[in-house]
Amino acid sequence: MTSKQRAYLKGLAMNIEPVFQIGKSGLTPEVTEAVRETFNTRELVKIGVLKNCGEDPNAMAEMIASRTGSQVVQVIGKKIVLYKESNEHKKIILP
């Protein structure tokens, strides 16, 4: 992913609300599976990490991305944005 494409996706992500929240139980297999299923209908997913979660958001973002086959767009504070291109539900055209 180029920096221009990443910047475009960051702009799109500003306007969406987090779809998931990760709490004190951290990154569970259920959360990973739910994110994977969400990529069936969406290409861009925002995840919120709650304050009571002791794990590092950057490490969690990389782990979720590797498990779901997606790419990390950005991690700002406690917000993670992931992108996975969809063949069936293509809505985002990258520059």
N, C-alpha and C. Protein backbone atom coordinates (compact mmCIF):
# COMPACT_ATOMS: atom_id res chain seq x y z
N MET A 1 0.85 -1.17 0.00
CA MET A 1 0.00 0.00 0.00
C MET A 1 0.90 1.23 0.00
N THR A 2 0.61 2.15 -0.90
CA THR A 2 1.42 3.37 -0.99
C THR A 2 0.97 4.38 0.05
N SER A 3 1.79 5.38 0.27
CA SER A 3 1.45 6.40 1.25
C SER A 3 0.23 7.21 0.80
N LYS A 4 0.06 7.38 -0.50
CA LYS A 4 -1.10 8.10 -1.03
C LYS A 4 -2.38 7.31 -0.75
N GLN A 5 -2.33 5.99 -0.94
CA GLN A 5 -3.49 5.14 -0.67
C GLN A 5 -3.80 5.13 0.82
N ARG A 6 -2.75 5.07 1.64
CA ARG A 6 -2.94 5.07 3.10
C ARG A 6 -3.58 6.38 3.55
N ALA A 7 -3.15 7.49 2.99
CA ALA A 7 -3.72 8.80 3.35
C ALA A 7 -5.18 8.87 2.95
N TYR A 8 -5.52 8.31 1.79
CA TYR A 8 -6.91 8.29 1.33
C TYR A 8 -7.78 7.48 2.30
N LEU A 9 -7.29 6.32 2.72
CA LEU A 9 -8.04 5.47 3.64
C LEU A 9 -8.17 6.12 5.02
N LYS A 10 -7.15 6.84 5.46
CA LYS A 10 -7.22 7.56 6.73
C LYS A 10 -8.34 8.59 6.68
N GLY A 11 -8.45 9.27 5.56
CA GLY A 11 -9.52 10.26 5.39
C GLY A 11 -10.89 9.63 5.46
N LEU A 12 -11.05 8.47 4.85
CA LEU A 12 -12.33 7.77 4.90
C LEU A 12 -12.63 7.28 6.33
N ALA A 13 -11.60 6.85 7.04
CA ALA A 13 -11.79 6.29 8.38
C ALA A 13 -12.18 7.34 9.40
N MET A 14 -11.87 8.60 9.13
CA MET A 14 -12.21 9.66 10.08
C MET A 14 -13.71 9.73 10.31
N ASN A 15 -14.50 9.39 9.31
CA ASN A 15 -15.95 9.56 9.38
C ASN A 15 -16.70 8.32 9.85
N ILE A 16 -16.02 7.23 10.15
CA ILE A 16 -16.73 6.04 10.59
C ILE A 16 -16.51 5.81 12.09
N GLU A 17 -17.48 5.17 12.70
CA GLU A 17 -17.41 4.83 14.11
C GLU A 17 -16.76 3.46 14.28
N PRO A 18 -16.14 3.21 15.43
CA PRO A 18 -15.57 1.88 15.67
C PRO A 18 -16.65 0.80 15.63
N VAL A 19 -16.35 -0.30 14.96
CA VAL A 19 -17.28 -1.41 14.82
C VAL A 19 -17.15 -2.34 16.02
N PHE A 20 -15.93 -2.46 16.55
CA PHE A 20 -15.65 -3.34 17.68
C PHE A 20 -14.92 -2.57 18.77
N GLN A 21 -15.05 -3.09 19.99
CA GLN A 21 -14.28 -2.57 21.11
C GLN A 21 -13.59 -3.75 21.79
N ILE A 22 -12.32 -3.58 22.07
CA ILE A 22 -11.55 -4.63 22.74
C ILE A 22 -11.35 -4.18 24.18
N GLY A 23 -11.79 -5.01 25.12
CA GLY A 23 -11.76 -4.65 26.53
C GLY A 23 -10.69 -5.39 27.31
N LYS A 24 -10.98 -5.63 28.60
CA LYS A 24 -9.98 -6.19 29.51
C LYS A 24 -9.58 -7.61 29.17
N SER A 25 -10.42 -8.35 28.44
CA SER A 25 -10.04 -9.71 28.07
C SER A 25 -9.05 -9.72 26.91
N GLY A 26 -8.83 -8.57 26.30
CA GLY A 26 -7.83 -8.45 25.24
C GLY A 26 -8.28 -9.04 23.92
N LEU A 27 -7.32 -9.43 23.12
CA LEU A 27 -7.58 -9.95 21.79
C LEU A 27 -7.88 -11.45 21.88
N THR A 28 -9.16 -11.77 21.83
CA THR A 28 -9.58 -13.17 21.93
C THR A 28 -9.81 -13.73 20.53
N PRO A 29 -9.84 -15.05 20.39
CA PRO A 29 -10.15 -15.65 19.08
C PRO A 29 -11.53 -15.23 18.56
N GLU A 30 -12.46 -14.96 19.47
CA GLU A 30 -13.80 -14.54 19.07
C GLU A 30 -13.77 -13.16 18.40
N VAL A 31 -12.95 -12.26 18.96
CA VAL A 31 -12.83 -10.92 18.37
C VAL A 31 -12.20 -11.02 16.99
N THR A 32 -11.16 -11.82 16.88
CA THR A 32 -10.49 -12.01 15.59
C THR A 32 -11.45 -12.57 14.55
N GLU A 33 -12.24 -13.55 14.94
CA GLU A 33 -13.20 -14.16 14.02
C GLU A 33 -14.29 -13.15 13.62
N ALA A 34 -14.74 -12.33 14.56
CA ALA A 34 -15.75 -11.32 14.26
C ALA A 34 -15.21 -10.29 13.27
N VAL A 35 -13.96 -9.89 13.44
CA VAL A 35 -13.34 -8.94 12.50
C VAL A 35 -13.23 -9.58 11.12
N ARG A 36 -12.83 -10.84 11.08
CA ARG A 36 -12.72 -11.56 9.80
C ARG A 36 -14.08 -11.61 9.08
N GLU A 37 -15.15 -11.85 9.83
CA GLU A 37 -16.49 -11.90 9.23
C GLU A 37 -16.94 -10.52 8.77
N THR A 38 -16.53 -9.48 9.47
CA THR A 38 -16.91 -8.12 9.08
C THR A 38 -16.32 -7.75 7.74
N PHE A 39 -15.12 -8.28 7.44
CA PHE A 39 -14.51 -7.99 6.14
C PHE A 39 -15.30 -8.60 4.98
N ASN A 40 -16.29 -9.44 5.25
CA ASN A 40 -17.14 -9.97 4.19
C ASN A 40 -18.08 -8.89 3.66
N THR A 41 -18.40 -7.90 4.49
CA THR A 41 -19.32 -6.84 4.07
C THR A 41 -18.69 -5.45 4.01
N ARG A 42 -17.55 -5.26 4.66
CA ARG A 42 -16.87 -3.96 4.68
C ARG A 42 -15.42 -4.13 4.27
N GLU A 43 -14.87 -3.06 3.75
CA GLU A 43 -13.45 -3.08 3.41
C GLU A 43 -12.61 -2.34 4.45
N LEU A 44 -13.23 -1.40 5.14
CA LEU A 44 -12.53 -0.57 6.12
C LEU A 44 -13.19 -0.78 7.48
N VAL A 45 -12.40 -1.17 8.47
CA VAL A 45 -12.92 -1.47 9.81
C VAL A 45 -12.14 -0.68 10.84
N LYS A 46 -12.89 -0.03 11.73
CA LYS A 46 -12.27 0.71 12.83
C LYS A 46 -12.57 -0.03 14.13
N ILE A 47 -11.54 -0.19 14.95
CA ILE A 47 -11.66 -0.91 16.22
C ILE A 47 -11.19 0.00 17.34
N GLY A 48 -11.98 0.06 18.41
CA GLY A 48 -11.61 0.84 19.59
C GLY A 48 -11.03 -0.07 20.66
N VAL A 49 -9.98 0.38 21.31
CA VAL A 49 -9.37 -0.37 22.41
C VAL A 49 -9.71 0.39 23.69
N LEU A 50 -10.39 -0.27 24.60
CA LEU A 50 -10.82 0.38 25.83
C LEU A 50 -9.64 0.61 26.78
N LYS A 51 -9.82 1.54 27.72
CA LYS A 51 -8.74 1.89 28.64
C LYS A 51 -8.34 0.74 29.55
N ASN A 52 -9.28 -0.17 29.84
CA ASN A 52 -8.97 -1.27 30.75
C ASN A 52 -8.26 -2.44 30.06
N CYS A 53 -7.94 -2.30 28.79
CA CYS A 53 -7.19 -3.32 28.06
C CYS A 53 -5.71 -3.06 28.27
N GLY A 54 -4.99 -4.06 28.76
CA GLY A 54 -3.58 -3.89 29.07
C GLY A 54 -2.64 -4.12 27.91
N GLU A 55 -3.16 -4.56 26.77
CA GLU A 55 -2.30 -4.87 25.62
C GLU A 55 -1.99 -3.62 24.80
N ASP A 56 -0.89 -3.67 24.06
CA ASP A 56 -0.46 -2.56 23.22
C ASP A 56 -1.28 -2.53 21.93
N PRO A 57 -1.93 -1.40 21.62
CA PRO A 57 -2.74 -1.32 20.40
C PRO A 57 -1.97 -1.60 19.11
N ASN A 58 -0.70 -1.18 19.05
CA ASN A 58 0.10 -1.44 17.84
C ASN A 58 0.32 -2.93 17.63
N ALA A 59 0.64 -3.62 18.71
CA ALA A 59 0.86 -5.07 18.62
C ALA A 59 -0.43 -5.79 18.26
N MET A 60 -1.54 -5.34 18.85
CA MET A 60 -2.84 -5.96 18.53
C MET A 60 -3.21 -5.73 17.08
N ALA A 61 -2.94 -4.52 16.56
CA ALA A 61 -3.26 -4.22 15.17
C ALA A 61 -2.51 -5.15 14.22
N GLU A 62 -1.22 -5.33 14.48
CA GLU A 62 -0.42 -6.23 13.64
C GLU A 62 -0.91 -7.67 13.73
N MET A 63 -1.31 -8.09 14.93
CA MET A 63 -1.77 -9.45 15.13
C MET A 63 -3.11 -9.69 14.41
N ILE A 64 -4.04 -8.75 14.53
CA ILE A 64 -5.33 -8.88 13.86
C ILE A 64 -5.12 -8.88 12.35
N ALA A 65 -4.27 -7.99 11.86
CA ALA A 65 -4.02 -7.90 10.42
C ALA A 65 -3.45 -9.21 9.88
N SER A 66 -2.51 -9.80 10.60
CA SER A 66 -1.92 -11.05 10.11
C SER A 66 -2.92 -12.20 10.17
N ARG A 67 -3.78 -12.20 11.18
CA ARG A 67 -4.77 -13.29 11.30
C ARG A 67 -5.93 -13.17 10.32
N THR A 68 -6.24 -11.95 9.90
CA THR A 68 -7.38 -11.74 9.00
C THR A 68 -6.97 -11.50 7.55
N GLY A 69 -5.68 -11.35 7.31
CA GLY A 69 -5.22 -11.07 5.95
C GLY A 69 -5.47 -9.65 5.51
N SER A 70 -5.58 -8.74 6.47
CA SER A 70 -5.83 -7.34 6.15
C SER A 70 -4.54 -6.53 6.33
N GLN A 71 -4.67 -5.21 6.15
CA GLN A 71 -3.52 -4.32 6.30
C GLN A 71 -3.86 -3.25 7.33
N VAL A 72 -2.87 -2.88 8.13
CA VAL A 72 -3.06 -1.82 9.11
C VAL A 72 -2.95 -0.48 8.38
N VAL A 73 -3.99 0.32 8.48
CA VAL A 73 -3.97 1.66 7.88
C VAL A 73 -3.33 2.62 8.86
N GLN A 74 -3.81 2.59 10.12
CA GLN A 74 -3.25 3.46 11.13
C GLN A 74 -3.64 2.99 12.52
N VAL A 75 -2.83 3.39 13.48
CA VAL A 75 -3.15 3.21 14.89
C VAL A 75 -2.91 4.56 15.54
N ILE A 76 -3.97 5.16 16.01
CA ILE A 76 -3.85 6.45 16.69
C ILE A 76 -4.41 6.27 18.09
N GLY A 77 -3.54 6.38 19.06
CA GLY A 77 -3.97 6.20 20.45
C GLY A 77 -4.56 4.82 20.65
N LYS A 78 -5.86 4.79 20.90
CA LYS A 78 -6.56 3.53 21.15
C LYS A 78 -7.52 3.16 20.01
N LYS A 79 -7.28 3.69 18.83
CA LYS A 79 -8.10 3.38 17.66
C LYS A 79 -7.24 2.68 16.61
N ILE A 80 -7.77 1.58 16.07
CA ILE A 80 -7.09 0.80 15.04
C ILE A 80 -7.95 0.84 13.79
N VAL A 81 -7.33 1.10 12.65
CA VAL A 81 -8.05 1.08 11.37
C VAL A 81 -7.39 0.03 10.48
N LEU A 82 -8.21 -0.90 9.97
CA LEU A 82 -7.73 -1.97 9.10
C LEU A 82 -8.43 -1.92 7.76
N TYR A 83 -7.73 -2.35 6.71
CA TYR A 83 -8.29 -2.38 5.36
C TYR A 83 -8.03 -3.75 4.73
N LYS A 84 -9.07 -4.27 4.09
CA LYS A 84 -8.91 -5.50 3.31
C LYS A 84 -9.76 -5.35 2.06
N GLU A 85 -9.11 -5.46 0.92
CA GLU A 85 -9.81 -5.32 -0.35
C GLU A 85 -10.79 -6.46 -0.53
N SER A 86 -12.00 -6.12 -0.97
CA SER A 86 -13.04 -7.12 -1.18
C SER A 86 -13.27 -7.32 -2.66
N ASN A 87 -13.42 -8.57 -3.06
CA ASN A 87 -13.72 -8.85 -4.46
C ASN A 87 -15.21 -8.78 -4.73
N GLU A 88 -16.03 -9.13 -3.74
CA GLU A 88 -17.47 -9.19 -3.93
C GLU A 88 -18.18 -7.87 -3.61
N HIS A 89 -17.73 -7.17 -2.57
CA HIS A 89 -18.39 -5.95 -2.12
C HIS A 89 -17.46 -4.75 -2.24
N LYS A 90 -16.88 -4.55 -3.41
CA LYS A 90 -15.90 -3.49 -3.63
C LYS A 90 -16.60 -2.14 -3.61
N LYS A 91 -16.23 -1.31 -2.62
CA LYS A 91 -16.80 0.03 -2.49
C LYS A 91 -15.72 1.11 -2.55
N ILE A 92 -14.51 0.74 -2.14
CA ILE A 92 -13.42 1.70 -2.07
C ILE A 92 -12.49 1.50 -3.26
N ILE A 93 -12.31 2.55 -4.05
CA ILE A 93 -11.37 2.53 -5.16
C ILE A 93 -10.15 3.32 -4.74
N LEU A 94 -9.03 2.63 -4.58
CA LEU A 94 -7.81 3.31 -4.15
C LEU A 94 -7.18 4.08 -5.31
N PRO A 95 -6.63 5.28 -5.00
CA PRO A 95 -5.98 6.07 -6.06
C PRO A 95 -4.71 5.43 -6.57
